[in-house]
Amino acid sequence: MSATTITTPVDEVLPLTRLILLIGGLFNTFPYTSFSQNVGLVGVTGVRSRWVCVTGGVILIALGLIHALGQLVEAVPQFVLGGAGIVMFGMVAATGVRILADVDYKSSRHNLFIVAISLGFGMIALVAPNFFQHFPKALSPLLHSGILLAAIVSVVLNVYFNGFKPAAQAQRDAAAGASHAEAG
């Protein structure tokens, strides 16, 4: 399996992304984002082609337009969908563990601290749902999402302990991490 490096500058992609979001909004659709399920699907199937996404889109359009095809999908038993969900989200979790395995815990003791505190904050919403009950209601979406809490805490702690890196060094580190992940 090989990966292709995309060299398109972000400045060229963002205006097109904004246009696509605007058109989608006119048709009352959800924002187009990259979901974590995609990581699980890539891990399970090993397929990384964008044409698979195009084919999937064509299939979804056909399902929406042809009633019999929609009924066929609706006939899939719940336990089959549940089993697929377990595999897919399990792959997401396993990918996260694999990413964390590449973190240098020995030379930077702060990295272990960052992971531990971030996971702890992420678990608050699950184990103590009333923990933030006295906070303003406007913060409720932020404080009751374990994933969002863990992400924010990890970014803040990483910046605090490890600081910002120059752009060139960050790109070298990202490329080294990507090549290491591909080899692993």
N, C-alpha and C. Protein backbone atom coordinates (compact mmCIF):
# COMPACT_ATOMS: atom_id res chain seq x y z
N MET A 1 0.85 -1.16 0.00
CA MET A 1 0.00 0.00 0.00
C MET A 1 0.90 1.23 0.00
N SER A 2 0.61 2.17 -0.85
CA SER A 2 1.42 3.38 -0.90
C SER A 2 0.52 4.59 -0.73
N ALA A 3 1.11 5.65 -0.24
CA ALA A 3 0.36 6.89 -0.04
C ALA A 3 0.90 7.95 -0.97
N THR A 4 0.04 8.83 -1.41
CA THR A 4 0.43 9.93 -2.26
C THR A 4 0.46 11.20 -1.43
N THR A 5 1.54 11.94 -1.52
CA THR A 5 1.64 13.19 -0.80
C THR A 5 0.93 14.27 -1.59
N ILE A 6 0.03 14.98 -0.94
CA ILE A 6 -0.72 16.05 -1.58
C ILE A 6 0.05 17.34 -1.36
N THR A 7 0.39 18.01 -2.44
CA THR A 7 1.20 19.22 -2.33
C THR A 7 0.41 20.48 -2.63
N THR A 8 -0.92 20.39 -2.72
CA THR A 8 -1.74 21.56 -3.00
C THR A 8 -1.71 22.49 -1.79
N PRO A 9 -1.36 23.75 -1.99
CA PRO A 9 -1.35 24.68 -0.86
C PRO A 9 -2.75 24.86 -0.28
N VAL A 10 -2.82 25.04 1.01
CA VAL A 10 -4.10 25.21 1.69
C VAL A 10 -4.82 26.45 1.17
N ASP A 11 -4.07 27.48 0.78
CA ASP A 11 -4.69 28.71 0.28
C ASP A 11 -5.53 28.46 -0.96
N GLU A 12 -5.19 27.44 -1.74
CA GLU A 12 -5.95 27.13 -2.94
C GLU A 12 -7.18 26.29 -2.64
N VAL A 13 -7.15 25.54 -1.57
CA VAL A 13 -8.23 24.61 -1.24
C VAL A 13 -9.35 25.31 -0.46
N LEU A 14 -9.01 26.22 0.44
CA LEU A 14 -10.00 26.84 1.30
C LEU A 14 -11.12 27.57 0.57
N PRO A 15 -10.85 28.38 -0.47
CA PRO A 15 -11.97 29.03 -1.15
C PRO A 15 -12.95 28.03 -1.76
N LEU A 16 -12.43 26.94 -2.33
CA LEU A 16 -13.30 25.92 -2.90
C LEU A 16 -14.11 25.24 -1.80
N THR A 17 -13.49 24.99 -0.67
CA THR A 17 -14.19 24.38 0.45
C THR A 17 -15.32 25.29 0.92
N ARG A 18 -15.07 26.57 0.99
CA ARG A 18 -16.11 27.52 1.39
C ARG A 18 -17.28 27.50 0.40
N LEU A 19 -16.96 27.43 -0.89
CA LEU A 19 -18.01 27.38 -1.91
C LEU A 19 -18.85 26.12 -1.76
N ILE A 20 -18.20 25.00 -1.53
CA ILE A 20 -18.92 23.73 -1.37
C ILE A 20 -19.82 23.78 -0.14
N LEU A 21 -19.32 24.35 0.95
CA LEU A 21 -20.13 24.49 2.16
C LEU A 21 -21.34 25.40 1.91
N LEU A 22 -21.15 26.46 1.14
CA LEU A 22 -22.24 27.37 0.83
C LEU A 22 -23.31 26.66 0.01
N ILE A 23 -22.88 25.93 -1.00
CA ILE A 23 -23.85 25.20 -1.84
C ILE A 23 -24.57 24.14 -1.01
N GLY A 24 -23.82 23.43 -0.17
CA GLY A 24 -24.46 22.43 0.70
C GLY A 24 -25.48 23.06 1.63
N GLY A 25 -25.16 24.25 2.15
CA GLY A 25 -26.09 24.94 3.04
C GLY A 25 -27.37 25.34 2.33
N LEU A 26 -27.27 25.67 1.05
CA LEU A 26 -28.47 26.03 0.28
C LEU A 26 -29.42 24.84 0.15
N PHE A 27 -28.86 23.63 0.17
CA PHE A 27 -29.69 22.44 0.06
C PHE A 27 -29.98 21.81 1.42
N ASN A 28 -29.69 22.57 2.51
CA ASN A 28 -30.00 22.14 3.87
C ASN A 28 -29.29 20.83 4.24
N THR A 29 -28.01 20.73 3.89
CA THR A 29 -27.24 19.54 4.23
C THR A 29 -26.32 19.86 5.40
N PHE A 30 -25.70 18.81 5.92
CA PHE A 30 -24.76 18.98 7.01
C PHE A 30 -23.44 19.53 6.47
N PRO A 31 -22.65 20.17 7.33
CA PRO A 31 -21.32 20.60 6.88
C PRO A 31 -20.48 19.39 6.49
N TYR A 32 -19.63 19.60 5.51
CA TYR A 32 -18.77 18.51 5.04
C TYR A 32 -17.51 18.50 5.88
N THR A 33 -17.34 17.45 6.63
CA THR A 33 -16.16 17.33 7.48
C THR A 33 -15.59 15.93 7.35
N SER A 34 -14.41 15.76 7.87
CA SER A 34 -13.78 14.44 7.90
C SER A 34 -14.11 13.80 9.23
N PHE A 35 -14.82 12.71 9.22
CA PHE A 35 -15.24 12.06 10.44
C PHE A 35 -14.23 11.00 10.86
N SER A 36 -14.20 10.71 12.14
CA SER A 36 -13.27 9.71 12.64
C SER A 36 -13.60 8.31 12.12
N GLN A 37 -14.84 8.09 11.70
CA GLN A 37 -15.20 6.79 11.14
C GLN A 37 -14.36 6.49 9.91
N ASN A 38 -13.96 7.53 9.18
CA ASN A 38 -13.14 7.32 7.99
C ASN A 38 -11.82 6.65 8.35
N VAL A 39 -11.25 7.01 9.50
CA VAL A 39 -10.02 6.37 9.95
C VAL A 39 -10.27 4.88 10.15
N GLY A 40 -11.40 4.54 10.76
CA GLY A 40 -11.73 3.14 10.98
C GLY A 40 -11.93 2.39 9.68
N LEU A 41 -12.61 3.03 8.72
CA LEU A 41 -12.85 2.37 7.43
C LEU A 41 -11.55 2.15 6.68
N VAL A 42 -10.66 3.13 6.71
CA VAL A 42 -9.37 2.96 6.03
C VAL A 42 -8.58 1.84 6.71
N GLY A 43 -8.63 1.78 8.04
CA GLY A 43 -7.92 0.72 8.75
C GLY A 43 -8.46 -0.66 8.46
N VAL A 44 -9.78 -0.78 8.33
CA VAL A 44 -10.40 -2.09 8.08
C VAL A 44 -10.19 -2.52 6.64
N THR A 45 -10.42 -1.60 5.69
CA THR A 45 -10.38 -1.98 4.28
C THR A 45 -9.02 -1.80 3.63
N GLY A 46 -8.24 -0.84 4.13
CA GLY A 46 -6.95 -0.54 3.51
C GLY A 46 -7.09 0.29 2.24
N VAL A 47 -8.30 0.71 1.90
CA VAL A 47 -8.55 1.48 0.69
C VAL A 47 -8.41 2.96 1.00
N ARG A 48 -7.59 3.67 0.21
CA ARG A 48 -7.38 5.09 0.43
C ARG A 48 -7.70 5.92 -0.81
N SER A 49 -8.42 5.36 -1.73
CA SER A 49 -8.70 6.05 -2.99
C SER A 49 -9.88 7.00 -2.83
N ARG A 50 -9.76 8.19 -3.39
CA ARG A 50 -10.88 9.13 -3.34
C ARG A 50 -12.02 8.67 -4.24
N TRP A 51 -11.73 7.79 -5.21
CA TRP A 51 -12.78 7.31 -6.10
C TRP A 51 -13.76 6.40 -5.36
N VAL A 52 -13.31 5.80 -4.28
CA VAL A 52 -14.23 5.03 -3.46
C VAL A 52 -15.27 5.97 -2.85
N CYS A 53 -14.84 7.15 -2.43
CA CYS A 53 -15.77 8.15 -1.89
C CYS A 53 -16.75 8.61 -2.96
N VAL A 54 -16.26 8.81 -4.17
CA VAL A 54 -17.13 9.23 -5.27
C VAL A 54 -18.17 8.14 -5.55
N THR A 55 -17.72 6.89 -5.59
CA THR A 55 -18.64 5.77 -5.82
C THR A 55 -19.66 5.69 -4.70
N GLY A 56 -19.20 5.87 -3.46
CA GLY A 56 -20.12 5.87 -2.33
C GLY A 56 -21.16 6.97 -2.45
N GLY A 57 -20.74 8.15 -2.92
CA GLY A 57 -21.68 9.25 -3.12
C GLY A 57 -22.73 8.91 -4.17
N VAL A 58 -22.29 8.28 -5.26
CA VAL A 58 -23.23 7.87 -6.30
C VAL A 58 -24.22 6.85 -5.76
N ILE A 59 -23.73 5.92 -4.94
CA ILE A 59 -24.62 4.92 -4.34
C ILE A 59 -25.62 5.59 -3.42
N LEU A 60 -25.18 6.56 -2.62
CA LEU A 60 -26.10 7.27 -1.72
C LEU A 60 -27.16 8.05 -2.49
N ILE A 61 -26.77 8.65 -3.61
CA ILE A 61 -27.74 9.36 -4.43
C ILE A 61 -28.77 8.36 -4.98
N ALA A 62 -28.29 7.21 -5.45
CA ALA A 62 -29.20 6.18 -5.95
C ALA A 62 -30.14 5.69 -4.85
N LEU A 63 -29.61 5.52 -3.64
CA LEU A 63 -30.45 5.09 -2.52
C LEU A 63 -31.54 6.12 -2.22
N GLY A 64 -31.20 7.40 -2.38
CA GLY A 64 -32.18 8.44 -2.12
C GLY A 64 -33.23 8.57 -3.21
N LEU A 65 -32.86 8.25 -4.43
CA LEU A 65 -33.78 8.43 -5.55
C LEU A 65 -34.59 7.18 -5.87
N ILE A 66 -34.06 6.01 -5.59
CA ILE A 66 -34.75 4.76 -5.92
C ILE A 66 -35.25 4.14 -4.62
N HIS A 67 -36.55 4.17 -4.44
CA HIS A 67 -37.17 3.76 -3.19
C HIS A 67 -36.85 2.30 -2.83
N ALA A 68 -36.83 1.42 -3.80
CA ALA A 68 -36.58 0.00 -3.52
C ALA A 68 -35.18 -0.22 -2.94
N LEU A 69 -34.20 0.54 -3.41
CA LEU A 69 -32.85 0.41 -2.86
C LEU A 69 -32.80 0.89 -1.41
N GLY A 70 -33.53 1.97 -1.12
CA GLY A 70 -33.60 2.46 0.26
C GLY A 70 -34.23 1.43 1.18
N GLN A 71 -35.27 0.74 0.71
CA GLN A 71 -35.91 -0.30 1.52
C GLN A 71 -34.96 -1.47 1.74
N LEU A 72 -34.13 -1.78 0.76
CA LEU A 72 -33.16 -2.86 0.90
C LEU A 72 -32.17 -2.55 2.03
N VAL A 73 -31.68 -1.31 2.08
CA VAL A 73 -30.75 -0.92 3.13
C VAL A 73 -31.46 -0.90 4.48
N GLU A 74 -32.71 -0.47 4.49
CA GLU A 74 -33.48 -0.43 5.73
C GLU A 74 -33.71 -1.83 6.29
N ALA A 75 -33.67 -2.84 5.45
CA ALA A 75 -33.89 -4.22 5.88
C ALA A 75 -32.68 -4.84 6.57
N VAL A 76 -31.54 -4.17 6.54
CA VAL A 76 -30.35 -4.70 7.21
C VAL A 76 -30.62 -4.71 8.71
N PRO A 77 -30.45 -5.87 9.37
CA PRO A 77 -30.76 -5.96 10.81
C PRO A 77 -29.87 -5.05 11.65
N GLN A 78 -30.42 -4.59 12.77
CA GLN A 78 -29.71 -3.70 13.67
C GLN A 78 -28.43 -4.32 14.21
N PHE A 79 -28.43 -5.63 14.48
CA PHE A 79 -27.24 -6.25 15.04
C PHE A 79 -26.09 -6.29 14.04
N VAL A 80 -26.41 -6.32 12.75
CA VAL A 80 -25.36 -6.25 11.73
C VAL A 80 -24.74 -4.86 11.73
N LEU A 81 -25.58 -3.84 11.79
CA LEU A 81 -25.06 -2.47 11.85
C LEU A 81 -24.27 -2.24 13.14
N GLY A 82 -24.75 -2.81 14.24
CA GLY A 82 -24.03 -2.70 15.51
C GLY A 82 -22.66 -3.36 15.45
N GLY A 83 -22.59 -4.53 14.83
CA GLY A 83 -21.30 -5.21 14.69
C GLY A 83 -20.33 -4.41 13.83
N ALA A 84 -20.85 -3.84 12.75
CA ALA A 84 -19.99 -2.99 11.91
C ALA A 84 -19.53 -1.76 12.67
N GLY A 85 -20.41 -1.20 13.48
CA GLY A 85 -20.05 -0.04 14.29
C GLY A 85 -18.97 -0.36 15.31
N ILE A 86 -19.07 -1.52 15.93
CA ILE A 86 -18.06 -1.93 16.91
C ILE A 86 -16.70 -2.05 16.24
N VAL A 87 -16.66 -2.68 15.08
CA VAL A 87 -15.38 -2.83 14.37
C VAL A 87 -14.84 -1.46 13.95
N MET A 88 -15.71 -0.62 13.40
CA MET A 88 -15.26 0.67 12.88
C MET A 88 -14.74 1.57 14.00
N PHE A 89 -15.49 1.70 15.09
CA PHE A 89 -15.04 2.57 16.17
C PHE A 89 -13.91 1.94 16.97
N GLY A 90 -13.84 0.62 16.98
CA GLY A 90 -12.69 -0.04 17.57
C GLY A 90 -11.42 0.28 16.80
N MET A 91 -11.52 0.36 15.48
CA MET A 91 -10.36 0.74 14.67
C MET A 91 -9.95 2.19 14.93
N VAL A 92 -10.93 3.06 15.18
CA VAL A 92 -10.61 4.44 15.52
C VAL A 92 -9.82 4.48 16.83
N ALA A 93 -10.29 3.73 17.82
CA ALA A 93 -9.59 3.68 19.11
C ALA A 93 -8.20 3.08 18.95
N ALA A 94 -8.09 2.01 18.17
CA ALA A 94 -6.79 1.37 17.97
C ALA A 94 -5.82 2.31 17.23
N THR A 95 -6.34 3.09 16.30
CA THR A 95 -5.49 4.07 15.62
C THR A 95 -5.00 5.12 16.59
N GLY A 96 -5.86 5.55 17.49
CA GLY A 96 -5.44 6.50 18.52
C GLY A 96 -4.35 5.92 19.41
N VAL A 97 -4.50 4.65 19.79
CA VAL A 97 -3.47 3.99 20.61
C VAL A 97 -2.16 3.90 19.83
N ARG A 98 -2.25 3.59 18.54
CA ARG A 98 -1.04 3.51 17.71
C ARG A 98 -0.33 4.86 17.61
N ILE A 99 -1.11 5.92 17.49
CA ILE A 99 -0.53 7.26 17.43
C ILE A 99 0.14 7.58 18.77
N LEU A 100 -0.52 7.26 19.86
CA LEU A 100 0.06 7.53 21.18
C LEU A 100 1.30 6.68 21.44
N ALA A 101 1.40 5.52 20.80
CA ALA A 101 2.58 4.67 20.97
C ALA A 101 3.82 5.31 20.37
N ASP A 102 3.64 6.19 19.39
CA ASP A 102 4.77 6.85 18.76
C ASP A 102 5.26 8.09 19.51
N VAL A 103 4.55 8.47 20.57
CA VAL A 103 4.94 9.66 21.34
C VAL A 103 6.18 9.33 22.16
N ASP A 104 7.10 10.28 22.21
CA ASP A 104 8.34 10.11 22.97
C ASP A 104 8.06 10.44 24.44
N TYR A 105 7.90 9.40 25.26
CA TYR A 105 7.62 9.59 26.68
C TYR A 105 8.90 9.64 27.51
N LYS A 106 9.99 9.11 26.98
CA LYS A 106 11.21 9.01 27.78
C LYS A 106 11.97 10.32 27.86
N SER A 107 12.20 10.97 26.73
CA SER A 107 13.01 12.19 26.77
C SER A 107 12.19 13.41 27.17
N SER A 108 10.87 13.34 27.04
CA SER A 108 10.01 14.46 27.45
C SER A 108 8.97 13.93 28.42
N ARG A 109 9.24 14.07 29.70
CA ARG A 109 8.33 13.53 30.71
C ARG A 109 6.99 14.24 30.71
N HIS A 110 6.94 15.41 30.11
CA HIS A 110 5.68 16.15 30.05
C HIS A 110 4.66 15.47 29.14
N ASN A 111 5.12 14.72 28.15
CA ASN A 111 4.19 14.09 27.22
C ASN A 111 3.28 13.09 27.92
N LEU A 112 3.81 12.32 28.85
CA LEU A 112 2.98 11.39 29.62
C LEU A 112 1.97 12.14 30.45
N PHE A 113 2.38 13.23 31.03
CA PHE A 113 1.50 14.09 31.82
C PHE A 113 0.37 14.64 30.93
N ILE A 114 0.71 15.09 29.74
CA ILE A 114 -0.28 15.64 28.81
C ILE A 114 -1.32 14.58 28.45
N VAL A 115 -0.87 13.38 28.14
CA VAL A 115 -1.80 12.30 27.78
C VAL A 115 -2.69 11.94 28.96
N ALA A 116 -2.10 11.81 30.14
CA ALA A 116 -2.87 11.41 31.33
C ALA A 116 -3.94 12.44 31.68
N ILE A 117 -3.57 13.70 31.72
CA ILE A 117 -4.53 14.75 32.07
C ILE A 117 -5.62 14.87 31.00
N SER A 118 -5.23 14.77 29.74
CA SER A 118 -6.21 14.87 28.65
C SER A 118 -7.22 13.73 28.72
N LEU A 119 -6.75 12.51 28.94
CA LEU A 119 -7.68 11.38 29.07
C LEU A 119 -8.58 11.56 30.29
N GLY A 120 -8.01 12.05 31.37
CA GLY A 120 -8.82 12.29 32.57
C GLY A 120 -9.92 13.30 32.32
N PHE A 121 -9.59 14.39 31.66
CA PHE A 121 -10.62 15.39 31.34
C PHE A 121 -11.65 14.83 30.37
N GLY A 122 -11.21 14.01 29.44
CA GLY A 122 -12.15 13.40 28.50
C GLY A 122 -13.13 12.45 29.17
N MET A 123 -12.74 11.86 30.27
CA MET A 123 -13.61 10.92 30.98
C MET A 123 -14.60 11.61 31.91
N ILE A 124 -14.38 12.88 32.22
CA ILE A 124 -15.27 13.58 33.16
C ILE A 124 -16.72 13.52 32.70
N ALA A 125 -16.97 13.80 31.44
CA ALA A 125 -18.34 13.81 30.93
C ALA A 125 -19.01 12.45 31.05
N LEU A 126 -18.23 11.40 31.01
CA LEU A 126 -18.79 10.05 31.08
C LEU A 126 -19.01 9.59 32.52
N VAL A 127 -18.02 9.78 33.40
CA VAL A 127 -18.11 9.24 34.76
C VAL A 127 -18.77 10.20 35.75
N ALA A 128 -18.73 11.48 35.49
CA ALA A 128 -19.34 12.45 36.40
C ALA A 128 -20.11 13.49 35.60
N PRO A 129 -21.27 13.13 35.06
CA PRO A 129 -22.00 14.05 34.19
C PRO A 129 -22.42 15.35 34.87
N ASN A 130 -22.54 15.35 36.20
CA ASN A 130 -22.94 16.57 36.91
C ASN A 130 -21.75 17.40 37.39
N PHE A 131 -20.56 17.02 36.99
CA PHE A 131 -19.34 17.70 37.45
C PHE A 131 -19.37 19.19 37.14
N PHE A 132 -19.89 19.56 35.98
CA PHE A 132 -19.89 20.95 35.54
C PHE A 132 -21.26 21.62 35.71
N GLN A 133 -22.09 21.12 36.59
CA GLN A 133 -23.47 21.62 36.70
C GLN A 133 -23.56 23.08 37.13
N HIS A 134 -22.56 23.58 37.82
CA HIS A 134 -22.61 24.96 38.29
C HIS A 134 -21.93 25.95 37.34
N PHE A 135 -21.47 25.46 36.21
CA PHE A 135 -20.87 26.33 35.21
C PHE A 135 -21.99 26.96 34.37
N PRO A 136 -21.70 28.04 33.67
CA PRO A 136 -22.74 28.67 32.83
C PRO A 136 -23.28 27.70 31.78
N LYS A 137 -24.57 27.79 31.53
CA LYS A 137 -25.23 26.90 30.57
C LYS A 137 -24.68 27.08 29.16
N ALA A 138 -24.15 28.26 28.86
CA ALA A 138 -23.61 28.51 27.52
C ALA A 138 -22.40 27.62 27.25
N LEU A 139 -21.70 27.18 28.29
CA LEU A 139 -20.53 26.32 28.12
C LEU A 139 -20.89 24.84 28.08
N SER A 140 -22.16 24.52 28.23
CA SER A 140 -22.59 23.12 28.31
C SER A 140 -22.15 22.27 27.12
N PRO A 141 -22.29 22.72 25.86
CA PRO A 141 -21.83 21.87 24.75
C PRO A 141 -20.34 21.55 24.83
N LEU A 142 -19.57 22.48 25.31
CA LEU A 142 -18.13 22.27 25.44
C LEU A 142 -17.82 21.32 26.60
N LEU A 143 -18.45 21.52 27.72
CA LEU A 143 -18.11 20.79 28.94
C LEU A 143 -18.70 19.39 29.00
N HIS A 144 -19.70 19.10 28.19
CA HIS A 144 -20.31 17.77 28.23
C HIS A 144 -19.87 16.88 27.06
N SER A 145 -18.85 17.31 26.35
CA SER A 145 -18.28 16.50 25.27
C SER A 145 -16.89 16.05 25.69
N GLY A 146 -16.75 14.78 25.98
CA GLY A 146 -15.46 14.25 26.40
C GLY A 146 -14.38 14.42 25.34
N ILE A 147 -14.74 14.22 24.10
CA ILE A 147 -13.77 14.34 23.02
C ILE A 147 -13.28 15.78 22.91
N LEU A 148 -14.20 16.72 22.97
CA LEU A 148 -13.83 18.12 22.86
C LEU A 148 -12.99 18.57 24.06
N LEU A 149 -13.39 18.15 25.26
CA LEU A 149 -12.61 18.49 26.45
C LEU A 149 -11.19 17.94 26.35
N ALA A 150 -11.07 16.67 25.97
CA ALA A 150 -9.74 16.06 25.87
C ALA A 150 -8.89 16.76 24.81
N ALA A 151 -9.51 17.11 23.69
CA ALA A 151 -8.76 17.78 22.62
C ALA A 151 -8.26 19.15 23.06
N ILE A 152 -9.13 19.92 23.67
CA ILE A 152 -8.74 21.26 24.11
C ILE A 152 -7.65 21.18 25.17
N VAL A 153 -7.83 20.30 26.16
CA VAL A 153 -6.84 20.18 27.23
C VAL A 153 -5.50 19.70 26.67
N SER A 154 -5.52 18.76 25.73
CA SER A 154 -4.26 18.26 25.19
C SER A 154 -3.53 19.34 24.38
N VAL A 155 -4.27 20.12 23.61
CA VAL A 155 -3.63 21.19 22.84
C VAL A 155 -3.05 22.25 23.77
N VAL A 156 -3.83 22.67 24.77
CA VAL A 156 -3.36 23.70 25.69
C VAL A 156 -2.13 23.22 26.46
N LEU A 157 -2.18 21.99 26.98
CA LEU A 157 -1.04 21.46 27.73
C LEU A 157 0.18 21.27 26.83
N ASN A 158 -0.03 20.83 25.60
CA ASN A 158 1.09 20.64 24.68
C ASN A 158 1.77 21.97 24.37
N VAL A 159 0.98 23.00 24.14
CA VAL A 159 1.56 24.32 23.88
C VAL A 159 2.28 24.83 25.13
N TYR A 160 1.69 24.60 26.29
CA TYR A 160 2.31 25.08 27.53
C TYR A 160 3.64 24.38 27.79
N PHE A 161 3.66 23.04 27.70
CA PHE A 161 4.86 22.30 28.04
C PHE A 161 5.89 22.24 26.91
N ASN A 162 5.42 22.08 25.68
CA ASN A 162 6.34 21.88 24.56
C ASN A 162 6.50 23.12 23.69
N GLY A 163 5.62 24.09 23.84
CA GLY A 163 5.74 25.35 23.10
C GLY A 163 5.45 25.20 21.62
N PHE A 164 5.52 26.31 20.93
CA PHE A 164 5.34 26.32 19.49
C PHE A 164 6.68 26.04 18.82
N LYS A 165 6.62 25.36 17.68
CA LYS A 165 7.83 25.11 16.89
C LYS A 165 7.76 25.98 15.64
N PRO A 166 8.92 26.33 15.08
CA PRO A 166 8.89 27.03 13.79
C PRO A 166 8.21 26.15 12.74
N ALA A 167 7.60 26.77 11.75
CA ALA A 167 6.83 26.05 10.74
C ALA A 167 7.67 24.99 10.03
N ALA A 168 8.92 25.31 9.70
CA ALA A 168 9.77 24.34 8.99
C ALA A 168 10.03 23.11 9.85
N GLN A 169 10.29 23.31 11.12
CA GLN A 169 10.54 22.17 12.01
C GLN A 169 9.26 21.35 12.21
N ALA A 170 8.12 22.01 12.33
CA ALA A 170 6.85 21.30 12.48
C ALA A 170 6.56 20.45 11.25
N GLN A 171 6.86 20.98 10.05
CA GLN A 171 6.63 20.21 8.83
C GLN A 171 7.57 19.01 8.76
N ARG A 172 8.83 19.18 9.17
CA ARG A 172 9.77 18.05 9.19
C ARG A 172 9.30 16.98 10.17
N ASP A 173 8.85 17.39 11.35
CA ASP A 173 8.38 16.45 12.35
C ASP A 173 7.13 15.71 11.86
N ALA A 174 6.22 16.45 11.21
CA ALA A 174 5.00 15.82 10.69
C ALA A 174 5.33 14.82 9.59
N ALA A 175 6.26 15.17 8.71
CA ALA A 175 6.66 14.25 7.63
C ALA A 175 7.33 13.01 8.21
N ALA A 176 8.18 13.20 9.22
CA ALA A 176 8.85 12.05 9.84
C ALA A 176 7.82 11.16 10.54
N GLY A 177 6.85 11.77 11.20
CA GLY A 177 5.82 10.98 11.87
C GLY A 177 4.95 10.23 10.88
N ALA A 178 4.63 10.87 9.75
CA ALA A 178 3.81 10.21 8.73
C ALA A 178 4.54 9.04 8.10
N SER A 179 5.84 9.22 7.81
CA SER A 179 6.59 8.12 7.22
C SER A 179 6.78 6.98 8.22
N HIS A 180 6.93 7.34 9.50
CA HIS A 180 7.03 6.31 10.53
C HIS A 180 5.71 5.54 10.67
N ALA A 181 4.58 6.25 10.58
CA ALA A 181 3.28 5.60 10.68
C ALA A 181 3.03 4.69 9.47
N GLU A 182 3.45 5.13 8.29
CA GLU A 182 3.29 4.31 7.09
C GLU A 182 4.12 3.03 7.19
N ALA A 183 5.32 3.15 7.75
CA ALA A 183 6.19 1.98 7.88
C ALA A 183 5.67 1.02 8.95
N GLY A 184 5.00 1.56 9.97
CA GLY A 184 4.52 0.75 11.10
C GLY A 184 3.26 0.10 10.80
